[in-house]
Protein backbone atom coordinates (compact mmCIF):
# COMPACT_ATOMS: atom_id res chain seq x y z
CA UNK A 1 0.00 0.00 0.00
CA UNK A 2 3.06 2.25 0.08
CA UNK A 3 2.56 3.06 3.77
CA UNK A 4 4.00 0.78 6.40
CA UNK A 5 1.62 0.65 9.33
CA UNK A 6 3.78 -0.91 12.01
CA UNK A 7 2.01 -1.45 15.33
CA UNK A 8 5.02 -0.46 17.42
CA UNK A 9 5.56 2.73 15.41
CA UNK A 10 1.87 3.55 15.68
CA UNK A 11 2.00 3.00 19.45
CA UNK A 12 4.78 5.55 19.91
CA UNK A 13 3.18 8.01 17.47
CA UNK A 14 -0.07 7.98 19.47
CA UNK A 15 1.93 8.29 22.69
CA UNK A 16 3.70 11.34 21.23
CA UNK A 17 0.37 12.82 20.06
CA UNK A 18 -1.03 12.41 23.59
CA UNK A 19 1.98 14.11 25.14
CA UNK A 20 1.84 16.93 22.58
CA UNK A 21 -1.87 17.49 23.25
CA UNK A 22 -1.29 17.79 26.98
CA UNK A 23 1.74 19.99 26.29
CA UNK A 24 -0.51 22.44 24.44
CA UNK A 25 -2.87 22.55 27.42
CA UNK A 26 0.07 23.63 29.60
CA UNK A 27 1.22 26.42 27.26
CA UNK A 28 -1.07 29.21 28.61
CA UNK A 29 -0.05 28.68 32.27
CA UNK A 30 3.20 30.72 32.31
CA UNK A 31 1.51 33.35 30.11
CA UNK A 32 -1.42 34.07 32.46
CA UNK A 33 0.32 37.06 34.08
CA UNK A 34 0.94 38.58 30.63
CA UNK A 35 -2.69 38.04 29.63
CA UNK A 36 -3.69 39.74 32.88
CA UNK A 37 -1.59 42.78 31.95
CA UNK A 38 -2.60 42.92 28.27
CA UNK A 39 -6.35 42.56 28.76
CA UNK A 40 -6.63 44.20 32.21
CA UNK A 41 -7.89 41.01 33.88
CA UNK A 42 -8.28 40.61 37.61
CA UNK A 43 -7.20 37.40 39.34
CA UNK A 44 -10.67 35.86 39.10
CA UNK A 45 -10.84 36.39 35.34
CA UNK A 46 -7.32 35.03 34.86
CA UNK A 47 -8.07 31.93 36.93
CA UNK A 48 -11.23 31.48 34.83
CA UNK A 49 -8.92 31.02 31.81
CA UNK A 50 -7.40 28.08 33.64
CA UNK A 51 -10.72 26.67 34.86
CA UNK A 52 -12.65 26.77 31.57
CA UNK A 53 -10.30 24.10 30.23
CA UNK A 54 -11.96 21.52 32.50
CA UNK A 55 -15.43 22.69 31.48
CA UNK A 56 -14.50 21.70 27.94
CA UNK A 57 -12.91 18.43 28.95
CA UNK A 58 -15.56 17.00 31.30
CA UNK A 59 -18.61 17.21 28.96
CA UNK A 60 -16.48 15.85 26.10
CA UNK A 61 -15.43 12.85 28.17
CA UNK A 62 -19.04 12.17 29.21
CA UNK A 63 -20.61 12.74 25.77
CA UNK A 64 -17.85 11.64 23.39
CA UNK A 65 -15.60 9.50 25.61
CA UNK A 66 -16.51 6.33 23.70
CA UNK A 67 -16.76 8.02 20.29
CA UNK A 68 -13.67 6.21 18.99
CA UNK A 69 -15.33 2.85 19.73
CA UNK A 70 -17.99 3.73 17.14
CA UNK A 71 -16.33 5.84 14.43
CA UNK A 72 -12.76 4.54 14.90
CA UNK A 73 -9.61 5.57 16.77
CA UNK A 74 -7.93 7.23 13.80
CA UNK A 75 -10.74 9.67 12.81
CA UNK A 76 -11.14 10.73 16.45
CA UNK A 77 -7.40 11.36 16.82
CA UNK A 78 -7.29 13.35 13.57
CA UNK A 79 -10.29 15.47 14.60
CA UNK A 80 -8.64 16.26 17.94
CA UNK A 81 -5.44 17.34 16.13
CA UNK A 82 -7.42 19.55 13.73
CA UNK A 83 -9.27 21.19 16.63
CA UNK A 84 -5.99 21.81 18.45
CA UNK A 85 -4.58 23.55 15.39
CA UNK A 86 -7.69 25.75 15.35
CA UNK A 87 -7.34 26.45 19.11
CA UNK A 88 -3.70 27.51 18.64
CA UNK A 89 -4.72 29.84 15.80
CA UNK A 90 -7.40 31.36 18.05
CA UNK A 91 -4.79 32.01 20.75
CA UNK A 92 -2.58 33.69 18.15
CA UNK A 93 -5.40 35.91 16.87
CA UNK A 94 -7.05 36.61 20.25
CA UNK A 95 -7.76 40.26 20.92
CA UNK A 96 -10.16 39.81 23.83
CA UNK A 97 -10.80 37.84 26.99
CA UNK A 98 -13.77 36.06 25.37
CA UNK A 99 -11.63 34.81 22.49
CA UNK A 100 -9.06 33.45 24.98
CA UNK A 101 -11.86 31.65 26.85
CA UNK A 102 -13.10 30.02 23.64
CA UNK A 103 -9.58 28.89 22.69
CA UNK A 104 -8.96 27.49 26.17
CA UNK A 105 -12.34 25.72 26.14
CA UNK A 106 -11.43 24.10 22.81
CA UNK A 107 -8.19 22.82 24.35
CA UNK A 108 -10.26 21.05 26.98
CA UNK A 109 -12.50 19.52 24.30
CA UNK A 110 -9.43 18.20 22.47
CA UNK A 111 -7.96 16.66 25.63
CA UNK A 112 -11.30 14.95 26.29
CA UNK A 113 -11.37 13.55 22.74
CA UNK A 114 -7.80 12.30 22.76
CA UNK A 115 -8.18 10.78 26.24
CA UNK A 116 -11.12 8.70 25.07
CA UNK A 117 -9.37 7.54 21.88
CA UNK A 118 -5.67 7.31 22.75
CA UNK A 119 -6.04 5.11 25.85
CA UNK A 120 -7.83 2.22 24.09
CA UNK A 121 -5.67 2.64 20.96
CA UNK A 122 -2.50 2.32 23.04
CA UNK A 123 -3.88 -0.81 24.72
CA UNK A 124 -4.63 -2.34 21.30
CA UNK A 125 -1.22 -1.45 19.84
CA UNK A 126 0.91 -2.14 22.94
CA UNK A 127 4.19 -3.91 22.05
CA UNK A 128 3.94 -7.53 23.14
CA UNK A 129 0.33 -6.95 24.15
CA UNK A 130 1.50 -5.46 27.47
CA UNK A 131 -1.60 -3.43 28.30
CA UNK A 132 -0.43 -2.59 31.84
CA UNK A 133 2.79 -1.02 30.58
CA UNK A 134 0.82 0.89 27.94
CA UNK A 135 -1.39 2.30 30.70
CA UNK A 136 1.62 3.41 32.76
CA UNK A 137 3.26 4.96 29.65
CA UNK A 138 0.09 6.90 28.86
CA UNK A 139 -0.20 8.20 32.43
CA UNK A 140 3.45 9.29 32.51
CA UNK A 141 3.34 10.99 29.09
CA UNK A 142 0.15 12.81 30.06
CA UNK A 143 1.76 14.27 33.18
CA UNK A 144 5.17 15.02 31.67
CA UNK A 145 3.65 16.42 28.46
CA UNK A 146 1.74 19.07 30.37
CA UNK A 147 4.94 20.04 32.20
CA UNK A 148 7.06 20.25 29.05
CA UNK A 149 4.42 22.40 27.35
CA UNK A 150 4.56 24.92 30.19
CA UNK A 151 8.34 25.11 30.39
CA UNK A 152 8.66 25.30 26.58
CA UNK A 153 6.17 28.17 26.49
CA UNK A 154 8.06 29.87 29.33
CA UNK A 155 11.39 29.62 27.49
CA UNK A 156 9.99 30.75 24.12
CA UNK A 157 8.08 33.60 25.77
CA UNK A 158 11.06 34.77 27.81
CA UNK A 159 13.43 34.77 24.82
CA UNK A 160 10.98 36.63 22.57
CA UNK A 161 10.27 39.17 25.34
CA UNK A 162 13.80 40.56 24.81
CA UNK A 163 12.96 41.47 21.20
CA UNK A 164 9.19 41.89 20.89
CA UNK A 165 6.28 43.52 22.76
CA UNK A 166 3.98 41.43 25.01
CA UNK A 167 1.33 41.11 22.29
CA UNK A 168 3.81 39.12 20.19
CA UNK A 169 5.30 37.26 23.17
CA UNK A 170 1.98 35.57 24.05
CA UNK A 171 1.55 34.44 20.43
CA UNK A 172 4.95 32.89 19.68
CA UNK A 173 4.54 29.66 21.75
CA UNK A 174 1.29 28.95 19.88
CA UNK A 175 2.94 29.50 16.48
CA UNK A 176 5.49 26.86 17.50
CA UNK A 177 2.84 24.39 18.67
CA UNK A 178 0.67 25.03 15.60
CA UNK A 179 3.53 23.78 13.43
CA UNK A 180 3.97 20.76 15.74
CA UNK A 181 0.28 19.86 15.46
CA UNK A 182 0.22 20.22 11.69
CA UNK A 183 3.17 17.82 11.45
CA UNK A 184 1.55 15.45 13.96
CA UNK A 185 -1.69 15.44 11.96
CA UNK A 186 0.09 14.09 8.88
CA UNK A 187 2.23 11.65 10.91
CA UNK A 188 -0.95 10.22 12.46
CA UNK A 189 -2.64 10.06 9.08
CA UNK A 190 0.17 8.07 7.44
CA UNK A 191 1.47 5.90 10.29
CA UNK A 192 -1.51 4.88 12.46
CA UNK A 193 -3.75 1.98 11.39
CA UNK A 194 -7.41 1.73 12.35
CA UNK A 195 -7.83 -0.81 15.17
CA UNK A 196 -11.64 -0.73 15.44
CA UNK A 197 -13.41 -3.34 13.34
CA UNK A 198 -16.14 -1.94 11.09
CA UNK A 199 -16.12 1.70 12.31
CA UNK A 200 -19.16 3.66 11.15
CA UNK A 201 -19.19 7.43 10.87
CA UNK A 202 -22.73 8.78 11.09
CA UNK A 203 -24.67 11.44 12.98
CA UNK A 204 -26.44 8.80 15.09
CA UNK A 205 -23.03 7.51 16.24
CA UNK A 206 -21.59 10.81 17.40
CA UNK A 207 -23.13 11.32 20.86
CA UNK A 208 -23.57 8.64 23.48
CA UNK A 209 -23.76 9.72 27.11
CA UNK A 210 -21.35 7.92 29.41
CA UNK A 211 -23.25 7.35 32.64
CA UNK A 212 -21.44 7.52 35.96
CA UNK A 213 -22.19 4.43 38.03
CA UNK A 214 -20.34 3.17 41.11
CA UNK A 215 -21.11 -0.48 42.05
CA UNK A 216 -21.62 -1.10 45.76
CA UNK A 217 -18.37 -3.05 46.29
CA UNK A 218 -16.39 -0.25 44.62
CA UNK A 219 -17.81 2.64 46.65
CA UNK A 220 -15.18 2.71 49.41
CA UNK A 221 -12.25 2.30 46.96
CA UNK A 222 -13.86 5.01 44.81
CA UNK A 223 -14.17 7.32 47.83
CA UNK A 224 -10.51 6.81 48.70
CA UNK A 225 -9.35 7.34 45.11
CA UNK A 226 -11.64 10.36 44.66
CA UNK A 227 -10.33 12.00 47.84
CA UNK A 228 -6.79 11.40 46.61
CA UNK A 229 -7.31 12.91 43.17
CA UNK A 230 -9.23 15.79 44.76
CA UNK A 231 -6.15 16.60 46.88
CA UNK A 232 -3.50 16.00 44.20
CA UNK A 233 -5.16 17.68 41.22
CA UNK A 234 -6.25 20.72 43.25
CA UNK A 235 -2.61 21.20 44.36
CA UNK A 236 -1.45 20.74 40.77
CA UNK A 237 -4.09 23.22 39.59
CA UNK A 238 -2.76 25.84 42.01
CA UNK A 239 0.66 25.85 40.35
CA UNK A 240 -0.68 25.68 36.79
CA UNK A 241 -3.37 28.29 37.31
CA UNK A 242 -1.79 30.78 39.70
CA UNK A 243 2.02 30.38 39.74
CA UNK A 244 2.66 33.10 37.13
CA UNK A 245 0.36 35.54 38.99
CA UNK A 246 1.97 34.69 42.34
CA UNK A 247 5.40 35.23 40.80
CA UNK A 248 4.39 38.65 39.45
CA UNK A 249 2.27 40.09 42.26
CA UNK A 250 3.83 38.44 45.32
CA UNK A 251 7.49 38.16 44.30
CA UNK A 252 7.57 41.01 41.73
CA UNK A 253 9.11 38.98 38.93
CA UNK A 254 7.86 38.48 35.38
CA UNK A 255 10.31 35.74 34.43
CA UNK A 256 8.28 33.25 32.38
CA UNK A 257 10.92 30.53 32.67
CA UNK A 258 10.61 30.38 36.47
CA UNK A 259 6.85 29.96 36.20
CA UNK A 260 7.33 27.19 33.62
CA UNK A 261 9.96 25.46 35.77
CA UNK A 262 7.65 25.42 38.81
CA UNK A 263 5.07 23.59 36.69
CA UNK A 264 7.79 21.27 35.40
CA UNK A 265 8.70 20.49 39.02
CA UNK A 266 5.11 19.51 39.84
CA UNK A 267 4.03 17.74 36.66
CA UNK A 268 7.40 16.54 35.37
CA UNK A 269 8.53 15.15 38.71
CA UNK A 270 5.07 13.66 39.16
CA UNK A 271 5.40 11.81 35.85
CA UNK A 272 8.93 10.64 36.68
CA UNK A 273 7.81 9.33 40.08
CA UNK A 274 4.90 7.51 38.42
CA UNK A 275 7.28 5.82 36.00
CA UNK A 276 9.83 4.81 38.66
CA UNK A 277 7.22 3.62 41.16
CA UNK A 278 5.33 1.66 38.48
CA UNK A 279 8.42 -0.50 37.88
CA UNK A 280 8.20 -1.81 41.44
CA UNK A 281 4.49 -1.28 41.99
CA UNK A 282 3.65 -4.98 42.27
CA UNK A 283 6.02 -5.24 45.22
CA UNK A 284 4.60 -2.25 47.08
CA UNK A 285 1.46 -1.85 49.15
CA UNK A 286 -1.05 0.24 47.17
CA UNK A 287 -2.39 1.96 50.27
CA UNK A 288 1.09 2.75 51.64
CA UNK A 289 2.09 4.37 48.34
CA UNK A 290 -1.21 6.29 48.45
CA UNK A 291 -0.66 7.54 52.02
CA UNK A 292 2.93 8.54 51.24
CA UNK A 293 1.72 10.57 48.26
CA UNK A 294 -0.96 12.30 50.33
CA UNK A 295 1.66 13.08 53.00
CA UNK A 296 3.98 14.73 50.48
CA UNK A 297 1.08 16.77 49.10
CA UNK A 298 0.05 18.04 52.54
CA UNK A 299 3.62 18.99 53.44
CA UNK A 300 4.29 20.57 50.04
CA UNK A 301 1.22 22.81 49.99
CA UNK A 302 1.87 23.85 53.62
CA UNK A 303 5.42 24.87 52.69
CA UNK A 304 3.99 26.87 49.77
CA UNK A 305 1.77 28.83 52.18
CA UNK A 306 4.73 29.47 54.50
CA UNK A 307 6.75 30.75 51.54
CA UNK A 308 4.04 33.32 50.78
CA UNK A 309 3.89 34.57 54.37
CA UNK A 310 7.69 34.87 54.53
CA UNK A 311 7.73 36.38 51.03
CA UNK A 312 10.41 33.87 49.99
CA UNK A 313 10.07 32.75 46.39
CA UNK A 314 12.65 29.99 46.91
CA UNK A 315 10.48 28.38 49.60
CA UNK A 316 7.28 28.72 47.57
CA UNK A 317 8.68 27.30 44.35
CA UNK A 318 10.74 24.72 46.26
CA UNK A 319 7.45 23.34 47.58
CA UNK A 320 6.61 22.39 43.97
CA UNK A 321 9.06 19.48 44.24
CA UNK A 322 7.22 18.07 47.27
CA UNK A 323 3.88 18.49 45.52
CA UNK A 324 5.30 16.78 42.40
CA UNK A 325 6.43 13.71 44.35
CA UNK A 326 3.05 13.52 46.07
CA UNK A 327 1.17 13.93 42.79
CA UNK A 328 3.04 11.06 41.14
CA UNK A 329 2.63 8.63 44.04
CA UNK A 330 -1.02 9.46 44.72
CA UNK A 331 -2.14 9.30 41.10
CA UNK A 332 -0.43 5.97 40.53
CA UNK A 333 -1.86 4.40 43.69
CA UNK A 334 -5.26 6.10 43.50
CA UNK A 335 -5.87 4.87 39.96
CA UNK A 336 -4.91 1.32 40.97
CA UNK A 337 -7.19 1.50 44.02
CA UNK A 338 -10.26 2.39 41.96
CA UNK A 339 -9.47 0.10 39.01
CA UNK A 340 -8.59 -3.13 40.83
CA UNK A 341 -12.04 -3.89 42.34
CA UNK A 342 -14.07 -2.48 39.40
CA UNK A 343 -15.92 -5.04 37.25
CA UNK A 344 -14.99 -4.84 33.55
CA UNK A 345 -18.56 -3.95 32.57
CA UNK A 346 -18.60 -1.01 34.98
CA UNK A 347 -14.99 0.13 34.44
CA UNK A 348 -15.82 2.94 32.00
CA UNK A 349 -18.60 4.30 34.24
CA UNK A 350 -16.36 4.19 37.34
CA UNK A 351 -13.39 5.84 35.60
CA UNK A 352 -15.68 8.53 34.15
CA UNK A 353 -16.70 9.42 37.68
CA UNK A 354 -13.10 9.30 38.91
CA UNK A 355 -11.75 11.69 36.25
CA UNK A 356 -14.78 13.97 36.55
CA UNK A 357 -13.80 14.49 40.20
CA UNK A 358 -10.21 15.07 39.08
CA UNK A 359 -10.99 17.72 36.48
CA UNK A 360 -13.36 19.51 38.88
CA UNK A 361 -10.56 19.54 41.46
CA UNK A 362 -8.15 20.84 38.82
CA UNK A 363 -10.30 23.87 38.00
CA UNK A 364 -12.91 24.87 40.58
CA UNK A 365 -10.59 25.46 43.61
CA UNK A 366 -8.28 27.64 41.46
CA UNK A 367 -11.21 29.74 40.25
CA UNK A 368 -12.53 30.19 43.81
CA UNK A 369 -9.05 31.14 45.04
CA UNK A 370 -8.64 33.61 42.18
CA UNK A 371 -11.97 35.25 43.04
CA UNK A 372 -11.13 35.54 46.76
CA UNK A 373 -7.52 36.69 46.25
CA UNK A 374 -8.82 39.94 44.71
CA UNK A 375 -10.45 40.75 48.08
CA UNK A 376 -8.27 39.08 50.72
CA UNK A 377 -4.80 38.71 49.22
CA UNK A 378 -2.55 35.82 48.18
CA UNK A 379 -1.15 34.53 51.47
CA UNK A 380 -4.43 34.23 53.47
CA UNK A 381 -6.27 32.44 50.64
CA UNK A 382 -3.46 30.01 49.81
CA UNK A 383 -3.12 29.29 53.55
CA UNK A 384 -6.85 28.55 53.82
CA UNK A 385 -6.50 26.27 50.79
CA UNK A 386 -3.55 24.47 52.44
CA UNK A 387 -5.61 23.90 55.59
CA UNK A 388 -8.46 22.40 53.54
CA UNK A 389 -6.00 20.17 51.66
CA UNK A 390 -4.60 18.90 54.98
CA UNK A 391 -8.09 18.19 56.35
CA UNK A 392 -9.07 16.29 53.19
CA UNK A 393 -5.69 14.53 53.19
CA UNK A 394 -6.11 13.29 56.76
CA UNK A 395 -9.62 12.08 55.97
CA UNK A 396 -8.27 10.29 52.89
CA UNK A 397 -5.58 8.57 54.98
CA UNK A 398 -8.21 7.47 57.50
CA UNK A 399 -10.39 6.02 54.74
CA UNK A 400 -7.39 4.21 53.24
CA UNK A 401 -6.92 2.36 56.57
CA UNK A 402 -10.56 1.25 56.34
CA UNK A 403 -9.89 0.10 52.80
CA UNK A 404 -7.12 -2.27 53.93
CA UNK A 405 -9.72 -4.34 55.77
CA UNK A 406 -11.40 -5.24 52.49
CA UNK A 407 -10.50 -8.71 51.24
CA UNK A 408 -9.09 -7.76 47.85
CA UNK A 409 -6.66 -5.27 49.43
CA UNK A 410 -5.25 -7.71 51.98
CA UNK A 411 -2.76 -9.14 49.55
């Protein structure tokens, strides 16, 4: 046929496409302070730019999460790439807050589409049929991709700021990623085979609501996992949504690279910890890994609050490393906790609920903090957030001890 569709090549191409998609979703984070200056946005409006991403992702997961099962993996992946190119162009052309919101919302839609199509495609194309390793690779690439997108945007933005005005600075990272997505579109088109038998593209096949259902025997594991992702993703959201504003208003610095590096510390270290821990995961207690991750998150976010009160940027951004370790450990263990007791028939419904909690945690707390910061200031609000994280973390640890009494966790 003139095109060699090798399964292993296709596996790594889809993995790269997933990482690139999440990288694009991390691009705006170090630029939020510049957007705030250019469009005269208060903290609440800027944090809304972060939060609207999840409001695009969650409905897409629930309405189109199984779309690739019906119309095929390849068409769904190609549509997500095309939409991401359009979102990048919107960011480049944006002249208003509304246009930025639309572009950010589209990014969330694309992440929802690629999450629903890439995960099963990777499982079907996994080298040697190793589905478990494919799952770990997808989780790691997702986390690291977001981090690399932020730090890449920070570096590109900082370099261009020496030569161009802010209006051009906020556009240049998206020009770069637009080119990447155009190339990825054609690579996907020519190198990825269709793995769904008899896919049918029709209007009746487009929307199918994914119901959230938690079987009785999964409810305690789901509670534990949901508490964990609530803690970890809300801490992650703080750094992605507010770090550039904290850097500018609290520490009086507009260095985009530092903001990107703080996100790299959280997300990149989180992905690295996931990868390392997954290699020995079968030898470790799931609940002990979970509690260790929660502990790191509570300590990390508390150190962040202390850094704000002392007005020490080194302490605040140093806390990102603690949060990153906690994020990696909790996400790895939390996902295993909710997946292991879930029946195959209910797996999609359970995981839909799990990630819905995660994306809500990623966006809503940041928006609330952004709204309150305008009235009460950075340090008091971040401290109140840290206290809530610690309370939820302690409750999560308590529930994980209850979980150990269940038969399938006494192994």
